[in-house]
């Protein structure tokens, strides 16, 4: 297991949340649990860094034989129309984004560290893709302003 995932899972208390969930719902089998950032998006939007990730839900994403749970969000597997797991590499290590489209046309994205448990599970039909994270204008502007400020401090 990669170091970034271990650190992130420790910060989020992933194992504790998983054990608590398993005790509360003994009829469900937890297949994967990961620290994540989750966000609702409009349509089948592409994955990109942006303001929606700044204010995203931070919680443990749990996949069971019946549901996907992220904090107070509960998505029944039977309600999922499409699920895509996008794998990517970044400066911080390997990651993945789970994109969910429900039959009610709700769209979710869950960003997390790479976890092979998602590949080995068989209750959620996944399309697995390799992709790259794109930058939104918001993300680009934040980076430009941060670099400008650092240059200002350096040459002051």
N, C-alpha and C. Protein backbone atom coordinates (compact mmCIF):
# COMPACT_ATOMS: atom_id res chain seq x y z
N UNK A 1 0.85 -1.18 0.00
CA UNK A 1 0.00 0.00 0.00
C UNK A 1 0.90 1.23 0.00
N UNK A 2 0.54 2.22 -0.78
CA UNK A 2 1.36 3.40 -0.88
C UNK A 2 1.26 4.27 0.37
N UNK A 3 2.34 4.97 0.63
CA UNK A 3 2.45 5.78 1.85
C UNK A 3 1.38 6.87 1.92
N UNK A 4 1.09 7.52 0.79
CA UNK A 4 0.08 8.59 0.79
C UNK A 4 -1.28 8.06 1.22
N UNK A 5 -1.64 6.86 0.76
CA UNK A 5 -2.92 6.27 1.14
C UNK A 5 -2.95 5.96 2.63
N UNK A 6 -1.87 5.42 3.15
CA UNK A 6 -1.80 5.11 4.58
C UNK A 6 -1.95 6.37 5.42
N UNK A 7 -1.28 7.44 5.02
CA UNK A 7 -1.37 8.70 5.76
C UNK A 7 -2.78 9.27 5.69
N UNK A 8 -3.34 9.30 4.49
CA UNK A 8 -4.69 9.85 4.31
C UNK A 8 -5.72 9.03 5.09
N UNK A 9 -5.61 7.71 5.01
CA UNK A 9 -6.55 6.86 5.76
C UNK A 9 -6.40 7.07 7.26
N UNK A 10 -5.17 7.29 7.74
CA UNK A 10 -4.97 7.55 9.16
C UNK A 10 -5.63 8.86 9.57
N UNK A 11 -5.45 9.91 8.77
CA UNK A 11 -6.03 11.23 9.08
C UNK A 11 -7.56 11.15 9.11
N UNK A 12 -8.16 10.45 8.17
CA UNK A 12 -9.62 10.34 8.09
C UNK A 12 -10.19 9.29 9.03
N UNK A 13 -9.33 8.45 9.62
CA UNK A 13 -9.83 7.38 10.49
C UNK A 13 -10.59 6.32 9.72
N UNK A 14 -10.09 5.97 8.55
CA UNK A 14 -10.81 5.06 7.66
C UNK A 14 -11.11 3.71 8.31
N UNK A 15 -10.14 3.11 8.97
CA UNK A 15 -10.37 1.80 9.59
C UNK A 15 -11.41 1.87 10.70
N UNK A 16 -11.37 2.94 11.49
CA UNK A 16 -12.35 3.13 12.56
C UNK A 16 -13.75 3.29 11.99
N UNK A 17 -13.89 4.12 10.93
CA UNK A 17 -15.19 4.34 10.29
C UNK A 17 -15.71 3.03 9.68
N UNK A 18 -14.80 2.27 9.08
CA UNK A 18 -15.19 0.99 8.47
C UNK A 18 -15.71 0.02 9.54
N UNK A 19 -14.96 -0.12 10.65
CA UNK A 19 -15.40 -1.03 11.72
C UNK A 19 -16.74 -0.59 12.31
N UNK A 20 -16.92 0.71 12.48
CA UNK A 20 -18.18 1.24 13.02
C UNK A 20 -19.34 0.93 12.07
N UNK A 21 -19.11 1.09 10.77
CA UNK A 21 -20.14 0.79 9.78
C UNK A 21 -20.49 -0.69 9.78
N UNK A 22 -19.46 -1.54 9.82
CA UNK A 22 -19.69 -2.99 9.83
C UNK A 22 -20.47 -3.43 11.07
N UNK A 23 -20.21 -2.79 12.21
CA UNK A 23 -20.94 -3.13 13.44
C UNK A 23 -22.40 -2.66 13.36
N UNK A 24 -22.62 -1.50 12.75
CA UNK A 24 -23.96 -0.94 12.65
C UNK A 24 -24.82 -1.67 11.61
N UNK A 25 -24.18 -2.17 10.54
CA UNK A 25 -24.90 -2.84 9.46
C UNK A 25 -24.29 -4.23 9.20
N UNK A 26 -24.54 -5.18 10.10
CA UNK A 26 -23.91 -6.51 9.97
C UNK A 26 -24.38 -7.28 8.74
N UNK A 27 -25.47 -6.89 8.13
CA UNK A 27 -25.97 -7.58 6.93
C UNK A 27 -25.29 -7.13 5.65
N UNK A 28 -24.40 -6.15 5.76
CA UNK A 28 -23.69 -5.66 4.58
C UNK A 28 -22.22 -6.05 4.67
N UNK A 29 -21.63 -6.32 3.53
CA UNK A 29 -20.20 -6.65 3.46
C UNK A 29 -19.47 -5.45 2.88
N UNK A 30 -18.50 -4.92 3.62
CA UNK A 30 -17.69 -3.81 3.13
C UNK A 30 -16.62 -4.37 2.22
N UNK A 31 -16.61 -3.89 0.98
CA UNK A 31 -15.65 -4.36 -0.02
C UNK A 31 -14.48 -3.40 -0.22
N UNK A 32 -14.72 -2.11 0.05
CA UNK A 32 -13.66 -1.11 -0.07
C UNK A 32 -14.02 0.07 0.83
N UNK A 33 -13.00 0.68 1.40
CA UNK A 33 -13.19 1.88 2.21
C UNK A 33 -11.97 2.77 2.02
N UNK A 34 -12.22 4.03 1.71
CA UNK A 34 -11.13 4.95 1.41
C UNK A 34 -11.46 6.36 1.88
N UNK A 35 -10.44 7.06 2.34
CA UNK A 35 -10.57 8.48 2.59
C UNK A 35 -10.79 9.14 1.24
N UNK A 36 -11.73 10.06 1.17
CA UNK A 36 -12.01 10.67 -0.13
C UNK A 36 -12.50 12.10 0.02
N UNK A 37 -12.53 12.76 -1.12
CA UNK A 37 -13.23 14.02 -1.29
C UNK A 37 -14.34 13.73 -2.28
N UNK A 38 -15.56 14.09 -1.93
CA UNK A 38 -16.70 13.82 -2.80
C UNK A 38 -17.39 15.11 -3.19
N UNK A 39 -17.86 15.16 -4.42
CA UNK A 39 -18.56 16.35 -4.89
C UNK A 39 -19.68 15.96 -5.85
N UNK A 40 -20.72 16.76 -5.85
CA UNK A 40 -21.80 16.61 -6.83
C UNK A 40 -21.45 17.51 -7.99
N UNK A 41 -21.65 17.02 -9.20
CA UNK A 41 -21.34 17.80 -10.39
C UNK A 41 -22.55 17.81 -11.31
N UNK A 42 -22.54 18.75 -12.25
CA UNK A 42 -23.62 18.83 -13.23
C UNK A 42 -23.22 18.01 -14.44
N UNK A 43 -24.04 17.05 -14.78
CA UNK A 43 -23.79 16.23 -15.96
C UNK A 43 -22.56 15.36 -15.83
N UNK A 44 -22.21 14.73 -16.93
CA UNK A 44 -21.04 13.85 -16.97
C UNK A 44 -19.79 14.71 -17.16
N UNK A 45 -19.55 15.60 -16.22
CA UNK A 45 -18.43 16.53 -16.34
C UNK A 45 -17.09 15.84 -16.29
N UNK A 46 -16.14 16.45 -16.99
CA UNK A 46 -14.80 15.90 -16.94
C UNK A 46 -14.19 16.18 -15.57
N UNK A 47 -13.19 15.43 -15.24
CA UNK A 47 -12.54 15.57 -13.94
C UNK A 47 -11.49 16.66 -14.05
N UNK A 48 -11.64 17.70 -13.24
CA UNK A 48 -10.63 18.76 -13.24
C UNK A 48 -10.54 19.40 -11.88
N UNK A 49 -9.36 19.93 -11.61
CA UNK A 49 -9.14 20.65 -10.37
C UNK A 49 -9.96 21.93 -10.44
N UNK A 50 -10.62 22.27 -9.34
CA UNK A 50 -11.42 23.48 -9.36
C UNK A 50 -12.01 23.79 -8.00
N UNK A 51 -12.84 24.81 -7.97
CA UNK A 51 -13.43 25.29 -6.72
C UNK A 51 -14.32 24.23 -6.08
N UNK A 52 -14.95 23.37 -6.89
CA UNK A 52 -15.83 22.36 -6.30
C UNK A 52 -15.06 21.40 -5.39
N UNK A 53 -13.78 21.17 -5.67
CA UNK A 53 -12.98 20.29 -4.82
C UNK A 53 -12.55 21.01 -3.53
N UNK A 54 -12.46 22.33 -3.57
CA UNK A 54 -12.08 23.09 -2.37
C UNK A 54 -13.16 22.93 -1.30
N UNK A 55 -14.42 22.93 -1.73
CA UNK A 55 -15.54 22.85 -0.77
C UNK A 55 -16.18 21.46 -0.76
N UNK A 56 -15.47 20.47 -1.28
CA UNK A 56 -16.04 19.12 -1.37
C UNK A 56 -16.20 18.47 0.00
N UNK A 57 -17.03 17.43 0.02
CA UNK A 57 -17.25 16.65 1.24
C UNK A 57 -16.02 15.81 1.50
N UNK A 58 -15.49 15.88 2.71
CA UNK A 58 -14.37 15.02 3.11
C UNK A 58 -14.92 13.96 4.04
N UNK A 59 -14.78 12.71 3.62
CA UNK A 59 -15.35 11.61 4.41
C UNK A 59 -14.71 10.31 3.95
N UNK A 60 -15.13 9.23 4.57
CA UNK A 60 -14.70 7.91 4.16
C UNK A 60 -15.74 7.37 3.19
N UNK A 61 -15.27 6.97 2.02
CA UNK A 61 -16.13 6.36 1.01
C UNK A 61 -16.15 4.86 1.24
N UNK A 62 -17.34 4.32 1.42
CA UNK A 62 -17.50 2.88 1.71
C UNK A 62 -18.31 2.24 0.59
N UNK A 63 -17.77 1.18 0.02
CA UNK A 63 -18.50 0.37 -0.94
C UNK A 63 -18.89 -0.93 -0.26
N UNK A 64 -20.18 -1.22 -0.25
CA UNK A 64 -20.67 -2.48 0.32
C UNK A 64 -21.33 -3.28 -0.79
N UNK A 65 -21.84 -4.43 -0.43
CA UNK A 65 -22.55 -5.25 -1.40
C UNK A 65 -23.92 -4.67 -1.74
N UNK A 66 -24.33 -3.57 -1.07
CA UNK A 66 -25.64 -2.96 -1.32
C UNK A 66 -25.57 -1.48 -1.66
N UNK A 67 -24.59 -0.76 -1.12
CA UNK A 67 -24.58 0.70 -1.20
C UNK A 67 -23.17 1.27 -1.40
N UNK A 68 -23.17 2.53 -1.79
CA UNK A 68 -21.98 3.37 -1.68
C UNK A 68 -22.35 4.45 -0.68
N UNK A 69 -21.53 4.63 0.34
CA UNK A 69 -21.80 5.58 1.40
C UNK A 69 -20.62 6.53 1.52
N UNK A 70 -20.92 7.82 1.59
CA UNK A 70 -19.89 8.83 1.80
C UNK A 70 -20.47 9.87 2.75
N UNK A 71 -20.08 9.79 4.02
CA UNK A 71 -20.67 10.68 5.01
C UNK A 71 -22.16 10.44 5.09
N UNK A 72 -22.96 11.49 4.85
CA UNK A 72 -24.42 11.33 4.89
C UNK A 72 -25.03 11.04 3.52
N UNK A 73 -24.19 10.86 2.51
CA UNK A 73 -24.69 10.45 1.19
C UNK A 73 -24.80 8.93 1.15
N UNK A 74 -25.93 8.44 0.67
CA UNK A 74 -26.14 7.01 0.49
C UNK A 74 -26.64 6.79 -0.92
N UNK A 75 -25.90 6.00 -1.70
CA UNK A 75 -26.28 5.69 -3.07
C UNK A 75 -26.46 4.18 -3.15
N UNK A 76 -27.69 3.73 -3.39
CA UNK A 76 -27.95 2.30 -3.52
C UNK A 76 -27.36 1.81 -4.84
N UNK A 77 -26.71 0.65 -4.81
CA UNK A 77 -26.11 0.12 -6.03
C UNK A 77 -27.16 -0.08 -7.13
N UNK A 78 -28.38 -0.42 -6.74
CA UNK A 78 -29.45 -0.62 -7.72
C UNK A 78 -29.86 0.69 -8.41
N UNK A 79 -29.52 1.84 -7.80
CA UNK A 79 -29.88 3.14 -8.36
C UNK A 79 -28.80 3.69 -9.30
N UNK A 80 -27.69 2.98 -9.44
CA UNK A 80 -26.58 3.48 -10.26
C UNK A 80 -26.78 3.06 -11.71
N UNK A 81 -26.74 4.06 -12.57
CA UNK A 81 -26.87 3.81 -14.01
C UNK A 81 -25.49 3.58 -14.64
N UNK A 82 -24.49 4.32 -14.17
CA UNK A 82 -23.16 4.22 -14.77
C UNK A 82 -22.11 4.52 -13.70
N UNK A 83 -21.03 3.74 -13.71
CA UNK A 83 -19.92 3.95 -12.78
C UNK A 83 -18.61 3.84 -13.55
N UNK A 84 -17.78 4.86 -13.41
CA UNK A 84 -16.49 4.88 -14.09
C UNK A 84 -15.40 5.16 -13.07
N UNK A 85 -14.34 4.38 -13.11
CA UNK A 85 -13.19 4.60 -12.25
C UNK A 85 -12.06 5.12 -13.14
N UNK A 86 -11.68 6.37 -12.91
CA UNK A 86 -10.63 7.00 -13.70
C UNK A 86 -9.34 6.98 -12.89
N UNK A 87 -8.32 6.33 -13.41
CA UNK A 87 -7.03 6.22 -12.74
C UNK A 87 -6.10 7.30 -13.27
N UNK A 88 -5.31 7.89 -12.38
CA UNK A 88 -4.38 8.93 -12.82
C UNK A 88 -3.14 8.92 -11.93
N UNK A 89 -2.10 9.51 -12.42
CA UNK A 89 -0.87 9.73 -11.66
C UNK A 89 -0.69 11.23 -11.51
N UNK A 90 -0.22 11.64 -10.35
CA UNK A 90 0.04 13.05 -10.11
C UNK A 90 1.35 13.18 -9.34
N UNK A 91 1.71 14.40 -9.07
CA UNK A 91 2.92 14.68 -8.30
C UNK A 91 2.87 13.99 -6.94
N UNK A 92 1.66 13.87 -6.37
CA UNK A 92 1.49 13.30 -5.03
C UNK A 92 1.32 11.79 -5.03
N UNK A 93 1.30 11.16 -6.21
CA UNK A 93 1.16 9.71 -6.26
C UNK A 93 -0.02 9.28 -7.11
N UNK A 94 -0.29 7.99 -7.09
CA UNK A 94 -1.37 7.43 -7.89
C UNK A 94 -2.72 7.69 -7.21
N UNK A 95 -3.68 8.08 -8.00
CA UNK A 95 -5.01 8.35 -7.48
C UNK A 95 -6.08 7.81 -8.39
N UNK A 96 -7.31 7.98 -7.97
CA UNK A 96 -8.45 7.54 -8.77
C UNK A 96 -9.64 8.41 -8.43
N UNK A 97 -10.51 8.56 -9.41
CA UNK A 97 -11.78 9.27 -9.21
C UNK A 97 -12.90 8.34 -9.65
N UNK A 98 -13.81 8.09 -8.75
CA UNK A 98 -14.99 7.29 -9.04
C UNK A 98 -16.10 8.24 -9.47
N UNK A 99 -16.56 8.09 -10.70
CA UNK A 99 -17.67 8.89 -11.20
C UNK A 99 -18.93 8.03 -11.18
N UNK A 100 -19.98 8.56 -10.57
CA UNK A 100 -21.25 7.85 -10.46
C UNK A 100 -22.35 8.67 -11.11
N UNK A 101 -23.16 8.02 -11.92
CA UNK A 101 -24.37 8.62 -12.48
C UNK A 101 -25.53 7.74 -12.04
N UNK A 102 -26.50 8.34 -11.36
CA UNK A 102 -27.65 7.57 -10.88
C UNK A 102 -28.77 7.60 -11.90
N UNK A 103 -29.75 6.74 -11.71
CA UNK A 103 -30.92 6.70 -12.59
C UNK A 103 -31.72 8.00 -12.49
N UNK A 104 -31.57 8.72 -11.37
CA UNK A 104 -32.25 10.00 -11.18
C UNK A 104 -31.44 11.16 -11.77
N UNK A 105 -30.38 10.83 -12.52
CA UNK A 105 -29.51 11.81 -13.18
C UNK A 105 -28.73 12.68 -12.19
N UNK A 106 -28.39 12.12 -11.04
CA UNK A 106 -27.47 12.77 -10.11
C UNK A 106 -26.07 12.30 -10.45
N UNK A 107 -25.12 13.22 -10.37
CA UNK A 107 -23.73 12.90 -10.74
C UNK A 107 -22.81 13.20 -9.56
N UNK A 108 -21.98 12.24 -9.23
CA UNK A 108 -21.04 12.36 -8.13
C UNK A 108 -19.64 12.06 -8.64
N UNK A 109 -18.64 12.68 -8.00
CA UNK A 109 -17.24 12.33 -8.22
C UNK A 109 -16.59 12.17 -6.85
N UNK A 110 -15.86 11.08 -6.68
CA UNK A 110 -15.17 10.78 -5.43
C UNK A 110 -13.68 10.60 -5.73
N UNK A 111 -12.87 11.51 -5.25
CA UNK A 111 -11.43 11.44 -5.47
C UNK A 111 -10.74 10.79 -4.27
N UNK A 112 -9.83 9.86 -4.57
CA UNK A 112 -9.14 9.14 -3.49
C UNK A 112 -7.80 8.62 -3.98
N UNK A 113 -7.01 8.13 -3.05
CA UNK A 113 -5.75 7.49 -3.40
C UNK A 113 -6.06 6.16 -4.09
N UNK A 114 -5.14 5.70 -4.90
CA UNK A 114 -5.33 4.43 -5.64
C UNK A 114 -5.52 3.28 -4.67
N UNK A 115 -6.55 2.45 -4.93
CA UNK A 115 -6.85 1.29 -4.10
C UNK A 115 -7.30 0.14 -5.01
N UNK A 116 -6.53 -0.93 -5.02
CA UNK A 116 -6.82 -2.07 -5.88
C UNK A 116 -8.10 -2.81 -5.49
N UNK A 117 -8.63 -2.55 -4.28
CA UNK A 117 -9.88 -3.21 -3.86
C UNK A 117 -11.03 -2.84 -4.80
N UNK A 118 -10.99 -1.67 -5.41
CA UNK A 118 -12.03 -1.28 -6.35
C UNK A 118 -11.97 -2.12 -7.62
N UNK A 119 -10.77 -2.53 -8.01
CA UNK A 119 -10.62 -3.38 -9.20
C UNK A 119 -11.10 -4.80 -8.94
N UNK A 120 -10.90 -5.29 -7.72
CA UNK A 120 -11.20 -6.70 -7.43
C UNK A 120 -12.64 -6.94 -7.00
N UNK A 121 -13.39 -5.90 -6.66
CA UNK A 121 -14.79 -6.09 -6.26
C UNK A 121 -15.62 -6.46 -7.48
N UNK A 122 -16.76 -7.10 -7.24
CA UNK A 122 -17.60 -7.52 -8.37
C UNK A 122 -19.07 -7.16 -8.21
N UNK A 123 -19.41 -6.24 -7.31
CA UNK A 123 -20.81 -5.86 -7.11
C UNK A 123 -21.18 -4.60 -7.89
N UNK A 124 -20.19 -3.78 -8.19
CA UNK A 124 -20.42 -2.53 -8.92
C UNK A 124 -19.74 -2.64 -10.28
N UNK A 125 -20.52 -2.77 -11.35
CA UNK A 125 -19.91 -2.83 -12.68
C UNK A 125 -19.20 -1.51 -12.99
N UNK A 126 -17.90 -1.57 -13.15
CA UNK A 126 -17.09 -0.37 -13.37
C UNK A 126 -16.48 -0.37 -14.75
N UNK A 127 -16.47 0.79 -15.37
CA UNK A 127 -15.64 1.02 -16.54
C UNK A 127 -14.37 1.66 -15.99
N UNK A 128 -13.23 1.06 -16.26
CA UNK A 128 -11.96 1.60 -15.76
C UNK A 128 -11.25 2.30 -16.91
N UNK A 129 -10.86 3.55 -16.68
CA UNK A 129 -10.16 4.35 -17.68
C UNK A 129 -8.91 4.95 -17.07
N UNK A 130 -7.96 5.27 -17.92
CA UNK A 130 -6.80 6.04 -17.49
C UNK A 130 -7.00 7.46 -17.97
N UNK A 131 -6.77 8.41 -17.10
CA UNK A 131 -7.00 9.80 -17.48
C UNK A 131 -6.00 10.74 -16.84
N UNK A 132 -6.21 12.00 -17.09
CA UNK A 132 -5.40 13.05 -16.49
C UNK A 132 -6.35 14.06 -15.87
N UNK A 133 -5.91 14.65 -14.78
CA UNK A 133 -6.70 15.72 -14.16
C UNK A 133 -6.46 16.99 -14.94
N UNK A 134 -7.55 17.67 -15.26
CA UNK A 134 -7.44 18.93 -15.98
C UNK A 134 -7.54 20.07 -14.99
N UNK A 135 -7.15 21.24 -15.44
CA UNK A 135 -7.18 22.43 -14.60
C UNK A 135 -8.35 23.32 -15.01
N UNK A 136 -9.11 23.79 -14.03
CA UNK A 136 -10.15 24.77 -14.31
C UNK A 136 -9.52 26.16 -14.28
N UNK A 137 -10.25 27.16 -14.77
CA UNK A 137 -9.73 28.53 -14.71
C UNK A 137 -9.48 28.95 -13.27
N UNK A 138 -10.36 28.55 -12.38
CA UNK A 138 -10.18 28.86 -10.96
C UNK A 138 -8.85 28.30 -10.45
N UNK A 139 -8.58 27.06 -10.78
CA UNK A 139 -7.36 26.41 -10.33
C UNK A 139 -6.12 27.09 -10.90
N UNK A 140 -6.19 27.45 -12.18
CA UNK A 140 -5.06 28.14 -12.81
C UNK A 140 -4.82 29.49 -12.15
N UNK A 141 -5.88 30.23 -11.89
CA UNK A 141 -5.74 31.56 -11.28
C UNK A 141 -5.16 31.47 -9.87
N UNK A 142 -5.58 30.49 -9.10
CA UNK A 142 -5.05 30.32 -7.75
C UNK A 142 -3.55 30.05 -7.82
N UNK A 143 -3.13 29.22 -8.75
CA UNK A 143 -1.71 28.90 -8.89
C UNK A 143 -0.91 30.11 -9.35
N UNK A 144 -1.43 30.86 -10.31
CA UNK A 144 -0.75 32.07 -10.80
C UNK A 144 -0.60 33.08 -9.66
N UNK A 145 -1.66 33.30 -8.90
CA UNK A 145 -1.60 34.24 -7.78
C UNK A 145 -0.61 33.77 -6.71
N UNK A 146 -0.58 32.48 -6.43
CA UNK A 146 0.36 31.96 -5.43
C UNK A 146 1.80 32.15 -5.89
N UNK A 147 2.07 31.87 -7.15
CA UNK A 147 3.44 32.05 -7.67
C UNK A 147 3.81 33.53 -7.67
N UNK A 148 2.89 34.39 -8.08
CA UNK A 148 3.15 35.83 -8.08
C UNK A 148 3.46 36.31 -6.66
N UNK A 149 2.71 35.85 -5.70
CA UNK A 149 2.94 36.25 -4.31
C UNK A 149 4.30 35.76 -3.81
N UNK A 150 4.66 34.53 -4.14
CA UNK A 150 5.97 34.01 -3.74
C UNK A 150 7.10 34.80 -4.39
N UNK A 151 6.94 35.15 -5.65
CA UNK A 151 7.94 35.98 -6.33
C UNK A 151 8.04 37.35 -5.68
N UNK A 152 6.91 37.93 -5.33
CA UNK A 152 6.89 39.22 -4.63
C UNK A 152 7.66 39.13 -3.32
N UNK A 153 7.39 38.08 -2.53
CA UNK A 153 8.09 37.91 -1.26
C UNK A 153 9.60 37.71 -1.46
N UNK A 154 9.96 36.98 -2.50
CA UNK A 154 11.37 36.68 -2.77
C UNK A 154 12.14 37.92 -3.19
N UNK A 155 11.55 38.76 -4.05
CA UNK A 155 12.25 39.93 -4.58
C UNK A 155 11.99 41.22 -3.83
N UNK A 156 11.32 41.15 -2.77
CA UNK A 156 10.97 42.35 -1.98
C UNK A 156 12.16 42.89 -1.27
